[in-house]
Amino acid sequence: MVNVTSLARLRRRALLAGLGASAIGGGVARADVVPSVQTPPAGVTDPAPPAPQPEPQVQAAPERERWIWVQNNAGEEVAVAYRAGQNYNVAALVRLQRLFRDLRAETAGPIPALLVDMLSLLQERFGYTRPLKLISGYRTPQTNATLPFAAPNSLHMRGMAADIIVPGFSQTDVVNQAMALSNMLGFMGIGWYGSFTHVDIGPKANWARMIN
């Protein structure tokens, strides 16, 4: 049984490394100089203390935005900056949750931010010239049961998977780039189904199954 919470923590750390995220301290380390206390010789006065110097101003680096551009099978499309640094845009995630819904049941399910991060990293490898084509995102158990090749415990039912096409690129290209990303992150399920590619945020695995 996969402990989803523990896996999510480990994958989040790996993904932050892949995104180049780093924690930046809010201050600047400096040495505080403590003057020695001495009695001056007779007739010698202490010099006037130097004027206080202003603290150096440290300007925080701008937080990098992360984008995703997706179109579902209903022709609905979302192109949005869903994240700045480590801060997620909740309104953007709600829009993506709607986009990734089960179109047969017209039901939206969970959409882990980790899945969006992974898809954004994958899309970045191809450029943002066209949207990712979403074949299947969230599935209700009822919809999943009607699909002949769907696993009974499919991660689609937990919103942790997406079946995608990258327009202008072969599925071989998509699988190869997904495999490279999986090797970098240390997790990710990848399934090659001929006409589309399955990716998920489950344990590292890959398989091929041709569907006519």
C-alpha atoms as a PDB file:
ATOM      1  CA  MET A   1       0.000   0.000   0.000  1.00  0.00           C
ATOM      2  CA  VAL A   2       1.497   3.337  -1.067  1.00  0.00           C
ATOM      3  CA  ASN A   3       1.657   5.950   1.658  1.00  0.00           C
ATOM      4  CA  VAL A   4       0.545   8.921  -0.429  1.00  0.00           C
ATOM      5  CA  THR A   5       1.402  11.509   2.219  1.00  0.00           C
ATOM      6  CA  SER A   6       4.998  10.313   2.623  1.00  0.00           C
ATOM      7  CA  LEU A   7       5.481  10.004  -1.125  1.00  0.00           C
ATOM      8  CA  ALA A   8       4.087  13.479  -1.682  1.00  0.00           C
ATOM      9  CA  ARG A   9       6.586  14.949   0.778  1.00  0.00           C
ATOM     10  CA  LEU A  10       9.521  13.240  -0.886  1.00  0.00           C
ATOM     11  CA  ARG A  11       8.308  14.174  -4.345  1.00  0.00           C
ATOM     12  CA  ARG A  12       7.773  17.772  -3.332  1.00  0.00           C
ATOM     13  CA  ARG A  13      11.415  17.981  -2.244  1.00  0.00           C
ATOM     14  CA  ALA A  14      12.583  16.440  -5.496  1.00  0.00           C
ATOM     15  CA  LEU A  15      10.346  18.718  -7.528  1.00  0.00           C
ATOM     16  CA  LEU A  16      11.520  21.840  -5.763  1.00  0.00           C
ATOM     17  CA  ALA A  17      15.068  20.812  -6.618  1.00  0.00           C
ATOM     18  CA  GLY A  18      14.002  20.348 -10.235  1.00  0.00           C
ATOM     19  CA  LEU A  19      12.371  23.780 -10.254  1.00  0.00           C
ATOM     20  CA  GLY A  20      15.534  25.313  -8.850  1.00  0.00           C
ATOM     21  CA  ALA A  21      13.725  26.514  -5.757  1.00  0.00           C
ATOM     22  CA  SER A  22      15.876  27.777  -2.920  1.00  0.00           C
ATOM     23  CA  ALA A  23      15.263  29.327   0.470  1.00  0.00           C
ATOM     24  CA  ILE A  24      16.670  32.840   0.733  1.00  0.00           C
ATOM     25  CA  GLY A  25      17.213  34.309   4.172  1.00  0.00           C
ATOM     26  CA  GLY A  26      15.578  37.598   4.940  1.00  0.00           C
ATOM     27  CA  GLY A  27      18.692  39.276   6.358  1.00  0.00           C
ATOM     28  CA  VAL A  28      22.381  39.694   5.729  1.00  0.00           C
ATOM     29  CA  ALA A  29      24.947  38.058   7.964  1.00  0.00           C
ATOM     30  CA  ARG A  30      27.386  40.580   9.349  1.00  0.00           C
ATOM     31  CA  ALA A  31      29.906  40.760  12.167  1.00  0.00           C
ATOM     32  CA  ASP A  32      29.031  43.137  14.997  1.00  0.00           C
ATOM     33  CA  VAL A  33      32.191  45.011  15.973  1.00  0.00           C
ATOM     34  CA  VAL A  34      32.491  45.495  19.742  1.00  0.00           C
ATOM     35  CA  PRO A  35      35.023  48.255  20.531  1.00  0.00           C
ATOM     36  CA  SER A  36      37.533  47.661  23.315  1.00  0.00           C
ATOM     37  CA  VAL A  37      37.184  49.852  26.396  1.00  0.00           C
ATOM     38  CA  GLN A  38      40.369  51.810  27.162  1.00  0.00           C
ATOM     39  CA  THR A  39      41.155  54.854  29.303  1.00  0.00           C
ATOM     40  CA  PRO A  40      42.814  57.540  27.153  1.00  0.00           C
ATOM     41  CA  PRO A  41      46.040  59.193  28.382  1.00  0.00           C
ATOM     42  CA  ALA A  42      45.767  62.501  30.254  1.00  0.00           C
ATOM     43  CA  GLY A  43      45.024  65.389  27.939  1.00  0.00           C
ATOM     44  CA  VAL A  44      43.732  63.162  25.188  1.00  0.00           C
ATOM     45  CA  THR A  45      40.036  63.184  24.564  1.00  0.00           C
ATOM     46  CA  ASP A  46      38.049  60.493  22.898  1.00  0.00           C
ATOM     47  CA  PRO A  47      37.397  61.223  19.271  1.00  0.00           C
ATOM     48  CA  ALA A  48      33.811  61.837  18.294  1.00  0.00           C
ATOM     49  CA  PRO A  49      32.054  58.612  17.462  1.00  0.00           C
ATOM     50  CA  PRO A  50      31.600  58.039  13.755  1.00  0.00           C
ATOM     51  CA  ALA A  51      28.225  58.805  12.259  1.00  0.00           C
ATOM     52  CA  PRO A  52      26.056  55.715  12.049  1.00  0.00           C
ATOM     53  CA  GLN A  53      26.069  54.109   8.626  1.00  0.00           C
ATOM     54  CA  PRO A  54      22.781  53.062   7.084  1.00  0.00           C
ATOM     55  CA  GLU A  55      22.122  49.362   6.939  1.00  0.00           C
ATOM     56  CA  PRO A  56      22.692  47.964   3.463  1.00  0.00           C
ATOM     57  CA  GLN A  57      19.422  47.486   1.617  1.00  0.00           C
ATOM     58  CA  VAL A  58      18.965  43.972   0.330  1.00  0.00           C
ATOM     59  CA  GLN A  59      16.554  43.651  -2.560  1.00  0.00           C
ATOM     60  CA  ALA A  60      14.876  40.278  -2.804  1.00  0.00           C
ATOM     61  CA  ALA A  61      15.159  38.532  -6.139  1.00  0.00           C
ATOM     62  CA  PRO A  62      11.861  38.484  -8.023  1.00  0.00           C
ATOM     63  CA  GLU A  63       9.971  35.233  -7.653  1.00  0.00           C
ATOM     64  CA  ARG A  64       9.875  33.259 -10.856  1.00  0.00           C
ATOM     65  CA  GLU A  65       6.433  32.536 -12.248  1.00  0.00           C
ATOM     66  CA  ARG A  66       5.567  29.096 -13.542  1.00  0.00           C
ATOM     67  CA  TRP A  67       3.086  28.695 -16.365  1.00  0.00           C
ATOM     68  CA  ILE A  68       0.985  25.908 -17.780  1.00  0.00           C
ATOM     69  CA  TRP A  69      -1.100  25.885 -20.959  1.00  0.00           C
ATOM     70  CA  VAL A  70      -3.622  23.071 -21.360  1.00  0.00           C
ATOM     71  CA  GLN A  71      -6.586  22.276 -23.615  1.00  0.00           C
ATOM     72  CA  ASN A  72      -9.052  19.506 -22.770  1.00  0.00           C
ATOM     73  CA  ASN A  73     -11.158  17.314 -25.068  1.00  0.00           C
ATOM     74  CA  ALA A  74     -14.074  19.745 -24.858  1.00  0.00           C
ATOM     75  CA  GLY A  75     -11.906  22.425 -26.463  1.00  0.00           C
ATOM     76  CA  GLU A  76     -11.665  24.423 -23.239  1.00  0.00           C
ATOM     77  CA  GLU A  77      -8.296  26.018 -22.683  1.00  0.00           C
ATOM     78  CA  VAL A  78      -6.411  27.521 -19.755  1.00  0.00           C
ATOM     79  CA  ALA A  79      -3.082  29.340 -19.996  1.00  0.00           C
ATOM     80  CA  VAL A  80      -2.147  30.646 -16.585  1.00  0.00           C
ATOM     81  CA  ALA A  81       0.708  31.511 -14.240  1.00  0.00           C
ATOM     82  CA  TYR A  82      -0.301  29.205 -11.406  1.00  0.00           C
ATOM     83  CA  ARG A  83       2.715  29.732  -9.174  1.00  0.00           C
ATOM     84  CA  ALA A  84       5.229  32.411  -8.152  1.00  0.00           C
ATOM     85  CA  GLY A  85       8.207  31.040  -6.280  1.00  0.00           C
ATOM     86  CA  GLN A  86       6.707  28.649  -3.741  1.00  0.00           C
ATOM     87  CA  ASN A  87       3.346  30.440  -3.610  1.00  0.00           C
ATOM     88  CA  TYR A  88       0.466  28.898  -5.536  1.00  0.00           C
ATOM     89  CA  ASN A  89      -2.326  30.914  -7.121  1.00  0.00           C
ATOM     90  CA  VAL A  90      -5.437  29.260  -5.714  1.00  0.00           C
ATOM     91  CA  ALA A  91      -7.728  30.815  -8.329  1.00  0.00           C
ATOM     92  CA  ALA A  92      -5.522  29.384 -11.090  1.00  0.00           C
ATOM     93  CA  LEU A  93      -5.613  25.917  -9.520  1.00  0.00           C
ATOM     94  CA  VAL A  94      -9.414  26.106  -9.324  1.00  0.00           C
ATOM     95  CA  ARG A  95      -9.537  26.878 -13.058  1.00  0.00           C
ATOM     96  CA  LEU A  96      -7.272  23.917 -13.765  1.00  0.00           C
ATOM     97  CA  GLN A  97      -9.380  21.686 -11.518  1.00  0.00           C
ATOM     98  CA  ARG A  98     -12.395  22.525 -13.671  1.00  0.00           C
ATOM     99  CA  LEU A  99     -10.418  21.909 -16.869  1.00  0.00           C
ATOM    100  CA  PHE A 100      -9.216  18.493 -15.648  1.00  0.00           C
ATOM    101  CA  ARG A 101     -12.724  17.329 -14.680  1.00  0.00           C
ATOM    102  CA  ASP A 102     -14.335  14.057 -15.789  1.00  0.00           C
ATOM    103  CA  LEU A 103     -16.100  15.235 -18.952  1.00  0.00           C
ATOM    104  CA  ARG A 104     -18.450  12.253 -19.074  1.00  0.00           C
ATOM    105  CA  ALA A 105     -19.708  12.762 -15.547  1.00  0.00           C
ATOM    106  CA  GLU A 106     -19.193  16.558 -15.544  1.00  0.00           C
ATOM    107  CA  THR A 107     -17.522  16.105 -12.175  1.00  0.00           C
ATOM    108  CA  ALA A 108     -14.377  17.840 -10.953  1.00  0.00           C
ATOM    109  CA  GLY A 109     -12.046  15.956  -8.662  1.00  0.00           C
ATOM    110  CA  PRO A 110      -8.859  16.756  -6.775  1.00  0.00           C
ATOM    111  CA  ILE A 111      -5.911  18.224  -8.650  1.00  0.00           C
ATOM    112  CA  PRO A 112      -2.672  17.987  -6.645  1.00  0.00           C
ATOM    113  CA  ALA A 113      -0.370  20.957  -7.178  1.00  0.00           C
ATOM    114  CA  LEU A 114       2.421  18.410  -7.623  1.00  0.00           C
ATOM    115  CA  LEU A 115       0.758  17.112 -10.812  1.00  0.00           C
ATOM    116  CA  VAL A 116       0.542  20.649 -12.194  1.00  0.00           C
ATOM    117  CA  ASP A 117       4.211  21.231 -11.339  1.00  0.00           C
ATOM    118  CA  MET A 118       5.219  18.033 -13.120  1.00  0.00           C
ATOM    119  CA  LEU A 119       3.198  18.875 -16.239  1.00  0.00           C
ATOM    120  CA  SER A 120       4.632  22.400 -16.265  1.00  0.00           C
ATOM    121  CA  LEU A 121       8.183  21.035 -16.124  1.00  0.00           C
ATOM    122  CA  LEU A 122       7.380  18.613 -18.937  1.00  0.00           C
ATOM    123  CA  GLN A 123       5.797  21.325 -21.072  1.00  0.00           C
ATOM    124  CA  GLU A 124       8.813  23.552 -20.492  1.00  0.00           C
ATOM    125  CA  ARG A 125      10.960  20.959 -22.266  1.00  0.00           C
ATOM    126  CA  PHE A 126       8.935  21.455 -25.446  1.00  0.00           C
ATOM    127  CA  GLY A 127       8.382  25.191 -25.186  1.00  0.00           C
ATOM    128  CA  TYR A 128       5.093  26.975 -24.659  1.00  0.00           C
ATOM    129  CA  THR A 129       4.202  27.402 -28.336  1.00  0.00           C
ATOM    130  CA  ARG A 130       1.106  25.169 -28.123  1.00  0.00           C
ATOM    131  CA  PRO A 131      -1.090  23.875 -25.316  1.00  0.00           C
ATOM    132  CA  LEU A 132      -0.771  20.406 -23.880  1.00  0.00           C
ATOM    133  CA  LYS A 133      -3.713  18.357 -25.118  1.00  0.00           C
ATOM    134  CA  LEU A 134      -5.414  16.704 -22.141  1.00  0.00           C
ATOM    135  CA  ILE A 135      -7.030  13.419 -23.156  1.00  0.00           C
ATOM    136  CA  SER A 136      -7.993  12.403 -19.630  1.00  0.00           C
ATOM    137  CA  GLY A 137      -7.489  13.975 -16.226  1.00  0.00           C
ATOM    138  CA  TYR A 138      -9.667  13.179 -13.242  1.00  0.00           C
ATOM    139  CA  ARG A 139     -11.999  10.176 -13.595  1.00  0.00           C
ATOM    140  CA  THR A 140     -14.861   9.109 -11.398  1.00  0.00           C
ATOM    141  CA  PRO A 141     -14.825   5.421 -10.441  1.00  0.00           C
ATOM    142  CA  GLN A 142     -17.884   4.956 -12.662  1.00  0.00           C
ATOM    143  CA  THR A 143     -16.127   6.367 -15.731  1.00  0.00           C
ATOM    144  CA  ASN A 144     -12.957   4.442 -14.960  1.00  0.00           C
ATOM    145  CA  ALA A 145     -14.927   1.178 -14.817  1.00  0.00           C
ATOM    146  CA  THR A 146     -16.198   1.678 -18.384  1.00  0.00           C
ATOM    147  CA  LEU A 147     -12.713   1.986 -19.905  1.00  0.00           C
ATOM    148  CA  PRO A 148     -11.349  -1.380 -21.056  1.00  0.00           C
ATOM    149  CA  PHE A 149      -7.661  -0.620 -20.441  1.00  0.00           C
ATOM    150  CA  ALA A 150      -8.032   1.395 -17.216  1.00  0.00           C
ATOM    151  CA  ALA A 151      -6.495  -0.077 -14.070  1.00  0.00           C
ATOM    152  CA  PRO A 152      -9.054  -0.746 -11.308  1.00  0.00           C
ATOM    153  CA  ASN A 153      -6.943   1.344  -8.911  1.00  0.00           C
ATOM    154  CA  SER A 154      -6.048   4.002 -11.504  1.00  0.00           C
ATOM    155  CA  LEU A 155      -4.444   7.156 -10.137  1.00  0.00           C
ATOM    156  CA  HIS A 156      -6.817   9.109 -12.398  1.00  0.00           C
ATOM    157  CA  MET A 157      -9.494   8.505  -9.755  1.00  0.00           C
ATOM    158  CA  ARG A 158      -7.381  10.459  -7.245  1.00  0.00           C
ATOM    159  CA  GLY A 159      -6.536  13.245  -9.663  1.00  0.00           C
ATOM    160  CA  MET A 160      -2.890  12.155  -9.699  1.00  0.00           C
ATOM    161  CA  ALA A 161      -2.573  11.346 -13.416  1.00  0.00           C
ATOM    162  CA  ALA A 162      -3.038  12.861 -16.856  1.00  0.00           C
ATOM    163  CA  ASP A 163      -3.124  11.388 -20.356  1.00  0.00           C
ATOM    164  CA  ILE A 164      -1.624  13.931 -22.720  1.00  0.00           C
ATOM    165  CA  ILE A 165      -0.497  14.754 -26.236  1.00  0.00           C
ATOM    166  CA  VAL A 166       2.078  17.449 -27.039  1.00  0.00           C
ATOM    167  CA  PRO A 167       1.002  18.835 -30.437  1.00  0.00           C
ATOM    168  CA  GLY A 168       3.806  18.911 -32.976  1.00  0.00           C
ATOM    169  CA  PHE A 169       5.797  16.156 -31.267  1.00  0.00           C
ATOM    170  CA  SER A 170       5.635  12.388 -31.536  1.00  0.00           C
ATOM    171  CA  GLN A 171       4.672  10.272 -28.558  1.00  0.00           C
ATOM    172  CA  THR A 172       8.211   8.877 -28.688  1.00  0.00           C
ATOM    173  CA  ASP A 173       9.483  12.407 -28.062  1.00  0.00           C
ATOM    174  CA  VAL A 174       7.025  12.874 -25.207  1.00  0.00           C
ATOM    175  CA  VAL A 175       7.946   9.560 -23.575  1.00  0.00           C
ATOM    176  CA  ASN A 176      11.672  10.271 -23.885  1.00  0.00           C
ATOM    177  CA  GLN A 177      11.333  13.693 -22.275  1.00  0.00           C
ATOM    178  CA  ALA A 178       9.065  12.290 -19.560  1.00  0.00           C
ATOM    179  CA  MET A 179      11.640   9.580 -18.822  1.00  0.00           C
ATOM    180  CA  ALA A 180      14.392  12.194 -18.517  1.00  0.00           C
ATOM    181  CA  LEU A 181      12.212  14.229 -16.153  1.00  0.00           C
ATOM    182  CA  SER A 182      11.399  11.107 -14.124  1.00  0.00           C
ATOM    183  CA  ASN A 183      15.106  10.342 -13.739  1.00  0.00           C
ATOM    184  CA  MET A 184      15.688  13.884 -12.477  1.00  0.00           C
ATOM    185  CA  LEU A 185      12.801  13.853  -9.999  1.00  0.00           C
ATOM    186  CA  GLY A 186      13.089  10.260  -8.827  1.00  0.00           C
ATOM    187  CA  PHE A 187       9.379   9.507  -9.242  1.00  0.00           C
ATOM    188  CA  MET A 188       6.720   9.516 -11.985  1.00  0.00           C
ATOM    189  CA  GLY A 189       4.721   6.831 -13.730  1.00  0.00           C
ATOM    190  CA  ILE A 190       4.894   6.895 -17.530  1.00  0.00           C
ATOM    191  CA  GLY A 191       2.707   4.854 -19.857  1.00  0.00           C
ATOM    192  CA  TRP A 192       3.013   4.832 -23.637  1.00  0.00           C
ATOM    193  CA  TYR A 193      -0.338   4.098 -25.279  1.00  0.00           C
ATOM    194  CA  GLY A 194       0.612   4.808 -28.884  1.00  0.00           C
ATOM    195  CA  SER A 195      -1.649   7.793 -29.527  1.00  0.00           C
ATOM    196  CA  PHE A 196      -1.121   9.454 -26.129  1.00  0.00           C
ATOM    197  CA  THR A 197       1.170   9.351 -23.088  1.00  0.00           C
ATOM    198  CA  HIS A 198       0.096   8.719 -19.507  1.00  0.00           C
ATOM    199  CA  VAL A 199       2.007  10.519 -16.744  1.00  0.00           C
ATOM    200  CA  ASP A 200       1.328  10.412 -13.020  1.00  0.00           C
ATOM    201  CA  ILE A 201       2.858  11.383  -9.685  1.00  0.00           C
ATOM    202  CA  GLY A 202       2.992   7.833  -8.408  1.00  0.00           C
ATOM    203  CA  PRO A 203       6.145   5.755  -7.895  1.00  0.00           C
ATOM    204  CA  LYS A 204       8.717   5.617 -10.672  1.00  0.00           C
ATOM    205  CA  ALA A 205       7.510   3.147 -13.323  1.00  0.00           C
ATOM    206  CA  ASN A 206       7.044   2.854 -17.073  1.00  0.00           C
ATOM    207  CA  TRP A 207       5.099   0.598 -19.412  1.00  0.00           C
ATOM    208  CA  ALA A 208       3.792   0.409 -22.972  1.00  0.00           C
ATOM    209  CA  ARG A 209       0.398  -0.667 -24.241  1.00  0.00           C
ATOM    210  CA  MET A 210      -0.842  -0.090 -27.752  1.00  0.00           C
ATOM    211  CA  ILE A 211      -4.509   0.877 -28.141  1.00  0.00           C
ATOM    212  CA  ASN A 212      -6.093   0.879 -31.599  1.00  0.00           C
END
